[in-house]
Amino acid sequence: MTATVPGEGLLVLAATPIGDPRDAAPRLADELAAADVIAAEDTRRLRRLCQALDVNPPGSVVSYHEHNEAARTADLVERLREGARVLIVTDAGMPSVSDPGYRLVSAAIGIDARVTCVPGPSAVLMALAVSGLPVDRFCFEGFLPRKGGERVRALRALAQEHRTMVFFEAPHRIAKSLADMEAVFGGDRRAAVCRELTKTYEEVRRGSLVELVAWADDGVKGEITVVVAGADVAVGDVDSQLQGILDRVAAGERLKDVCADVASATGLSKKALYDAALAAQR
């Protein structure tokens, strides 16, 4: 099972449980046992995970976190060149999603190494599923900036985002972040704060931002994922969208693609937009 032929290295990104070790995919134990090298965000947590899964990895284990990711990537790429099977695991969830991994994936692709992943638990998807907010279109924004001014600017850039938004946040910053969201998005915007997902004290608090700000004033503990409803779509009418469509077509975009995009964003009829644009071009 282990790749050993030079030039045929394999990089495996493996999702790890976000709380309950029973959520681990069965393949995770197999990959831990098959890896030549395991790059772990926290080697102590890896040891605890291996104990929970009753596996004793025979490969070498190295730390791979935000402070050494840049330097260690070159060593792991060299192992891939030699044909090694390299496994990345982070503390929880999928590597490279607000966690180390992206640098190595990019570098592995650069040397034509194979890259695959073991799917599994995701705080982003779980929070979306239990939030009660629309999930047909969403975006993941990771952690907001730590500094207040930068955080407000980042939120202002999202003020007109129509998709449901997902954020990670630290417990000591959640009250300030929710207050900034209330100030930028408005107190009536619906949201959900999901903490300690899959753990003993799992809690999902749903409500308006003004309600969640008041709740968070008492202090919030644990690992937190915040889901916020997108801005309401201002439907308008076909005529109000026409010039923007024509400008995008003149810039080189296909009329059908532009009309589909505008229809999705506004709720207007794609056919009505298309017919109006064609008539305007004649």
Protein backbone atom coordinates (compact mmCIF):
# COMPACT_ATOMS: atom_id res chain seq x y z
CA MET A 1 0.00 0.00 0.00
CA THR A 2 2.88 2.40 0.68
CA ALA A 3 4.25 4.30 -2.31
CA THR A 4 8.00 3.71 -2.64
CA VAL A 5 8.80 4.34 -6.29
CA PRO A 6 10.65 7.65 -6.85
CA GLY A 7 8.41 10.24 -8.46
CA GLU A 8 5.24 8.47 -7.26
CA GLY A 9 4.85 10.06 -3.86
CA LEU A 10 1.36 10.46 -2.47
CA LEU A 11 0.08 13.29 -0.28
CA VAL A 12 -2.99 12.47 1.80
CA LEU A 13 -4.98 15.13 3.64
CA ALA A 14 -7.01 13.47 6.37
CA ALA A 15 -9.93 15.03 8.22
CA THR A 16 -9.85 14.40 11.96
CA PRO A 17 -12.75 14.52 14.45
CA ILE A 18 -13.76 17.99 15.63
CA GLY A 19 -14.63 16.61 19.05
CA ASP A 20 -15.94 13.06 19.26
CA PRO A 21 -13.28 10.53 18.14
CA ARG A 22 -16.06 8.15 17.08
CA ASP A 23 -16.66 10.48 14.11
CA ALA A 24 -13.33 9.47 12.54
CA ALA A 25 -13.68 7.91 9.10
CA PRO A 26 -12.64 4.23 9.05
CA ARG A 27 -10.03 5.11 6.42
CA LEU A 28 -8.27 7.43 8.84
CA ALA A 29 -6.86 4.54 10.89
CA ASP A 30 -5.76 2.79 7.68
CA GLU A 31 -3.93 5.88 6.46
CA LEU A 32 -2.23 6.44 9.82
CA ALA A 33 -0.96 2.86 9.67
CA ALA A 34 0.18 3.15 6.04
CA ALA A 35 1.92 6.55 6.05
CA ASP A 36 5.70 6.80 5.72
CA VAL A 37 5.50 10.29 7.25
CA ILE A 38 2.76 11.88 9.32
CA ALA A 39 2.81 15.68 9.48
CA ALA A 40 0.73 16.66 12.50
CA GLU A 41 -0.29 20.10 13.70
CA ASP A 42 0.09 18.88 17.29
CA THR A 43 1.94 15.60 17.84
CA ARG A 44 0.46 15.21 21.32
CA ARG A 45 -3.07 15.37 19.96
CA LEU A 46 -2.05 12.91 17.28
CA ARG A 47 -0.93 10.45 19.94
CA ARG A 48 -4.28 10.75 21.72
CA LEU A 49 -6.14 10.27 18.45
CA CYS A 50 -4.10 7.15 17.63
CA GLN A 51 -4.89 5.74 21.06
CA ALA A 52 -8.61 6.37 20.51
CA LEU A 53 -8.43 4.64 17.11
CA ASP A 54 -6.24 1.81 18.46
CA VAL A 55 -3.54 2.33 15.84
CA ASN A 56 0.24 2.48 16.24
CA PRO A 57 1.68 4.38 13.23
CA PRO A 58 4.96 2.82 12.04
CA GLY A 59 6.01 5.88 10.03
CA SER A 60 7.89 8.91 11.26
CA VAL A 61 5.93 11.75 12.88
CA VAL A 62 6.86 15.42 12.45
CA SER A 63 5.21 18.60 13.66
CA TYR A 64 3.63 20.78 10.97
CA HIS A 65 2.00 23.96 12.22
CA GLU A 66 1.70 27.66 11.38
CA HIS A 67 5.10 28.49 12.89
CA ASN A 68 7.15 25.93 10.93
CA GLU A 69 4.93 25.27 7.90
CA ALA A 70 7.03 27.31 5.48
CA ALA A 71 10.32 25.72 6.54
CA ARG A 72 9.08 22.15 6.85
CA THR A 73 7.24 22.06 3.52
CA ALA A 74 10.52 21.69 1.62
CA ASP A 75 11.46 18.57 3.64
CA LEU A 76 8.07 16.98 3.04
CA VAL A 77 8.23 17.76 -0.68
CA GLU A 78 11.58 16.01 -0.82
CA ARG A 79 10.03 12.94 0.79
CA LEU A 80 7.30 13.03 -1.84
CA ARG A 81 9.96 13.18 -4.56
CA GLU A 82 11.46 10.02 -3.07
CA GLY A 83 8.10 8.26 -3.36
CA ALA A 84 6.91 8.52 0.24
CA ARG A 85 3.32 8.43 1.37
CA VAL A 86 2.86 11.64 3.40
CA LEU A 87 -0.19 12.14 5.60
CA ILE A 88 -1.27 15.54 6.97
CA VAL A 89 -3.53 15.80 10.01
CA THR A 90 -4.51 18.88 11.97
CA ASP A 91 -6.02 19.26 15.43
CA ALA A 92 -9.56 19.03 14.06
CA GLY A 93 -11.28 19.03 10.69
CA MET A 94 -9.76 19.16 7.23
CA PRO A 95 -6.14 20.26 6.73
CA SER A 96 -5.73 23.52 4.77
CA VAL A 97 -9.17 24.82 5.85
CA SER A 98 -7.99 27.55 8.25
CA ASP A 99 -5.25 25.10 9.20
CA PRO A 100 -1.82 24.12 7.83
CA GLY A 101 -1.82 22.23 4.54
CA TYR A 102 -2.27 24.62 1.65
CA ARG A 103 1.45 25.25 1.17
CA LEU A 104 2.21 21.55 0.95
CA VAL A 105 -0.70 20.80 -1.38
CA SER A 106 0.44 23.56 -3.73
CA ALA A 107 4.05 22.35 -3.60
CA ALA A 108 3.02 18.72 -4.15
CA ILE A 109 1.01 19.67 -7.22
CA GLY A 110 4.05 21.60 -8.44
CA ILE A 111 6.14 18.40 -8.57
CA ASP A 112 3.26 16.33 -10.03
CA ALA A 113 2.84 14.28 -6.86
CA ARG A 114 -0.54 12.68 -6.36
CA VAL A 115 -2.82 14.41 -3.85
CA THR A 116 -5.92 12.92 -2.27
CA CYS A 117 -7.89 13.26 0.93
CA VAL A 118 -9.79 11.28 3.54
CA PRO A 119 -13.11 13.11 3.95
CA GLY A 120 -14.64 13.49 7.36
CA PRO A 121 -15.89 15.86 10.05
CA SER A 122 -16.20 19.56 9.26
CA ALA A 123 -17.15 22.31 11.70
CA VAL A 124 -18.11 24.50 8.74
CA LEU A 125 -20.62 22.07 7.27
CA MET A 126 -21.99 20.95 10.63
CA ALA A 127 -22.58 24.54 11.75
CA LEU A 128 -24.33 25.30 8.48
CA ALA A 129 -26.53 22.24 8.80
CA VAL A 130 -27.72 23.03 12.34
CA SER A 131 -27.89 26.82 12.01
CA GLY A 132 -31.35 26.91 10.49
CA LEU A 133 -30.12 29.48 7.96
CA PRO A 134 -30.16 29.06 4.14
CA VAL A 135 -27.46 26.63 2.98
CA ASP A 136 -28.05 26.55 -0.78
CA ARG A 137 -25.29 29.16 -1.22
CA PHE A 138 -22.66 29.96 1.38
CA CYS A 139 -19.10 31.22 1.81
CA PHE A 140 -16.45 30.45 4.42
CA GLU A 141 -14.56 33.47 5.76
CA GLY A 142 -12.35 31.77 8.35
CA PHE A 143 -11.15 33.90 11.28
CA LEU A 144 -11.86 37.62 11.26
CA PRO A 145 -8.91 39.97 11.94
CA ARG A 146 -7.94 40.28 15.59
CA LYS A 147 -7.74 44.09 15.62
CA GLY A 148 -11.03 45.95 15.87
CA GLY A 149 -10.47 48.39 13.00
CA GLU A 150 -9.35 45.67 10.60
CA ARG A 151 -12.25 43.46 11.68
CA VAL A 152 -14.79 46.18 10.97
CA ARG A 153 -13.28 46.81 7.53
CA ALA A 154 -13.45 43.10 6.72
CA LEU A 155 -17.10 42.99 7.77
CA ARG A 156 -17.95 46.09 5.74
CA ALA A 157 -16.59 44.33 2.67
CA LEU A 158 -19.15 41.58 3.36
CA ALA A 159 -22.09 43.86 4.13
CA GLN A 160 -23.80 43.16 0.78
CA GLU A 161 -22.83 39.47 0.60
CA HIS A 162 -26.02 37.56 -0.23
CA ARG A 163 -24.70 34.12 0.66
CA THR A 164 -24.82 32.70 4.17
CA MET A 165 -21.44 33.36 5.80
CA VAL A 166 -19.45 31.08 8.12
CA PHE A 167 -16.72 32.32 10.47
CA PHE A 168 -14.42 30.77 13.04
CA GLU A 169 -13.84 32.80 16.20
CA ALA A 170 -11.92 32.55 19.46
CA PRO A 171 -13.95 32.63 22.70
CA HIS A 172 -12.20 35.72 24.04
CA ARG A 173 -13.07 37.67 20.87
CA ILE A 174 -16.58 36.42 20.14
CA ALA A 175 -18.41 39.17 22.05
CA LYS A 176 -16.51 41.93 20.22
CA SER A 177 -16.90 40.22 16.85
CA LEU A 178 -20.66 39.82 17.31
CA ALA A 179 -20.92 43.48 18.36
CA ASP A 180 -19.05 44.53 15.22
CA MET A 181 -21.33 42.32 13.11
CA GLU A 182 -24.35 43.98 14.68
CA ALA A 183 -22.93 47.42 13.92
CA VAL A 184 -22.11 46.59 10.29
CA PHE A 185 -24.86 44.11 9.30
CA GLY A 186 -27.65 45.47 11.52
CA GLY A 187 -29.13 44.06 14.70
CA ASP A 188 -31.97 42.26 12.88
CA ARG A 189 -29.62 40.04 10.84
CA ARG A 190 -30.15 36.37 11.76
CA ALA A 191 -27.21 34.32 12.96
CA ALA A 192 -26.22 31.23 14.93
CA VAL A 193 -23.30 30.72 17.31
CA CYS A 194 -22.25 27.07 17.42
CA ARG A 195 -19.83 26.07 20.15
CA GLU A 196 -18.19 22.79 21.16
CA LEU A 197 -19.72 20.94 18.20
CA THR A 198 -19.89 17.15 18.78
CA LYS A 199 -18.49 17.61 22.30
CA THR A 200 -20.18 17.08 25.67
CA TYR A 201 -21.27 20.72 26.04
CA GLU A 202 -22.36 21.30 22.45
CA GLU A 203 -24.59 24.35 22.14
CA VAL A 204 -26.20 26.17 19.23
CA ARG A 205 -27.56 29.62 20.01
CA ARG A 206 -29.80 31.09 17.28
CA GLY A 207 -31.29 34.54 17.02
CA SER A 208 -30.79 38.06 15.75
CA LEU A 209 -27.37 39.65 16.12
CA VAL A 210 -28.69 42.00 18.78
CA GLU A 211 -29.90 38.99 20.78
CA LEU A 212 -26.63 37.13 20.33
CA VAL A 213 -24.59 40.17 21.40
CA ALA A 214 -26.55 40.33 24.67
CA TRP A 215 -26.06 36.59 25.21
CA ALA A 216 -22.31 36.74 24.57
CA ASP A 217 -21.80 39.50 27.15
CA ASP A 218 -21.87 36.84 29.86
CA GLY A 219 -18.86 35.11 28.28
CA VAL A 220 -18.63 32.21 25.86
CA LYS A 221 -16.29 29.25 26.18
CA GLY A 222 -15.10 26.56 23.78
CA GLU A 223 -14.40 26.34 20.07
CA ILE A 224 -16.80 28.54 18.14
CA THR A 225 -18.25 28.65 14.64
CA VAL A 226 -20.53 31.54 13.69
CA VAL A 227 -23.07 31.37 10.87
CA VAL A 228 -24.60 34.64 9.63
CA ALA A 229 -27.43 35.09 7.13
CA GLY A 230 -26.58 36.92 3.94
CA ALA A 231 -27.94 40.33 3.04
CA ASP A 232 -31.43 40.46 1.61
CA VAL A 233 -31.46 40.49 -2.18
CA ALA A 234 -32.71 43.74 -3.67
CA VAL A 235 -34.68 42.43 -6.61
CA GLY A 236 -35.20 45.68 -8.53
CA ASP A 237 -36.36 45.32 -12.13
CA VAL A 238 -34.94 44.26 -15.47
CA ASP A 239 -34.27 47.81 -16.65
CA SER A 240 -32.19 48.58 -13.56
CA GLN A 241 -29.88 45.65 -14.37
CA LEU A 242 -29.64 46.13 -18.11
CA GLN A 243 -26.70 48.55 -18.36
CA GLY A 244 -24.59 46.46 -16.01
CA ILE A 245 -25.26 43.39 -18.15
CA LEU A 246 -24.33 45.21 -21.34
CA ASP A 247 -21.13 46.53 -19.78
CA ARG A 248 -20.04 43.03 -18.74
CA VAL A 249 -20.80 41.65 -22.21
CA ALA A 250 -18.82 44.47 -23.81
CA ALA A 251 -15.92 43.50 -21.53
CA GLY A 252 -15.92 39.99 -22.98
CA GLU A 253 -18.32 37.89 -20.89
CA ARG A 254 -20.94 35.67 -22.51
CA LEU A 255 -24.45 37.11 -22.41
CA LYS A 256 -25.99 33.85 -21.19
CA ASP A 257 -23.48 33.57 -18.36
CA VAL A 258 -23.99 37.17 -17.27
CA CYS A 259 -27.79 36.83 -17.31
CA ALA A 260 -27.59 33.64 -15.26
CA ASP A 261 -25.35 35.35 -12.72
CA VAL A 262 -27.58 38.42 -12.42
CA ALA A 263 -30.71 36.26 -12.19
CA SER A 264 -29.18 34.27 -9.35
CA ALA A 265 -28.19 37.44 -7.47
CA THR A 266 -31.46 39.35 -7.95
CA GLY A 267 -34.19 36.75 -8.34
CA LEU A 268 -35.15 38.19 -11.72
CA SER A 269 -36.02 35.96 -14.67
CA LYS A 270 -32.97 34.88 -16.65
CA LYS A 271 -35.04 34.82 -19.84
CA ALA A 272 -36.38 38.33 -19.24
CA LEU A 273 -32.87 39.63 -18.68
CA TYR A 274 -31.57 37.85 -21.78
CA ASP A 275 -34.40 39.06 -24.02
CA ALA A 276 -34.00 42.64 -22.80
CA ALA A 277 -30.26 42.57 -23.42
CA LEU A 278 -30.71 41.18 -26.93
CA ALA A 279 -33.27 43.88 -27.73
CA ALA A 280 -30.91 46.58 -26.44
CA GLN A 281 -28.07 45.27 -28.64
CA ARG A 282 -30.09 45.47 -31.87
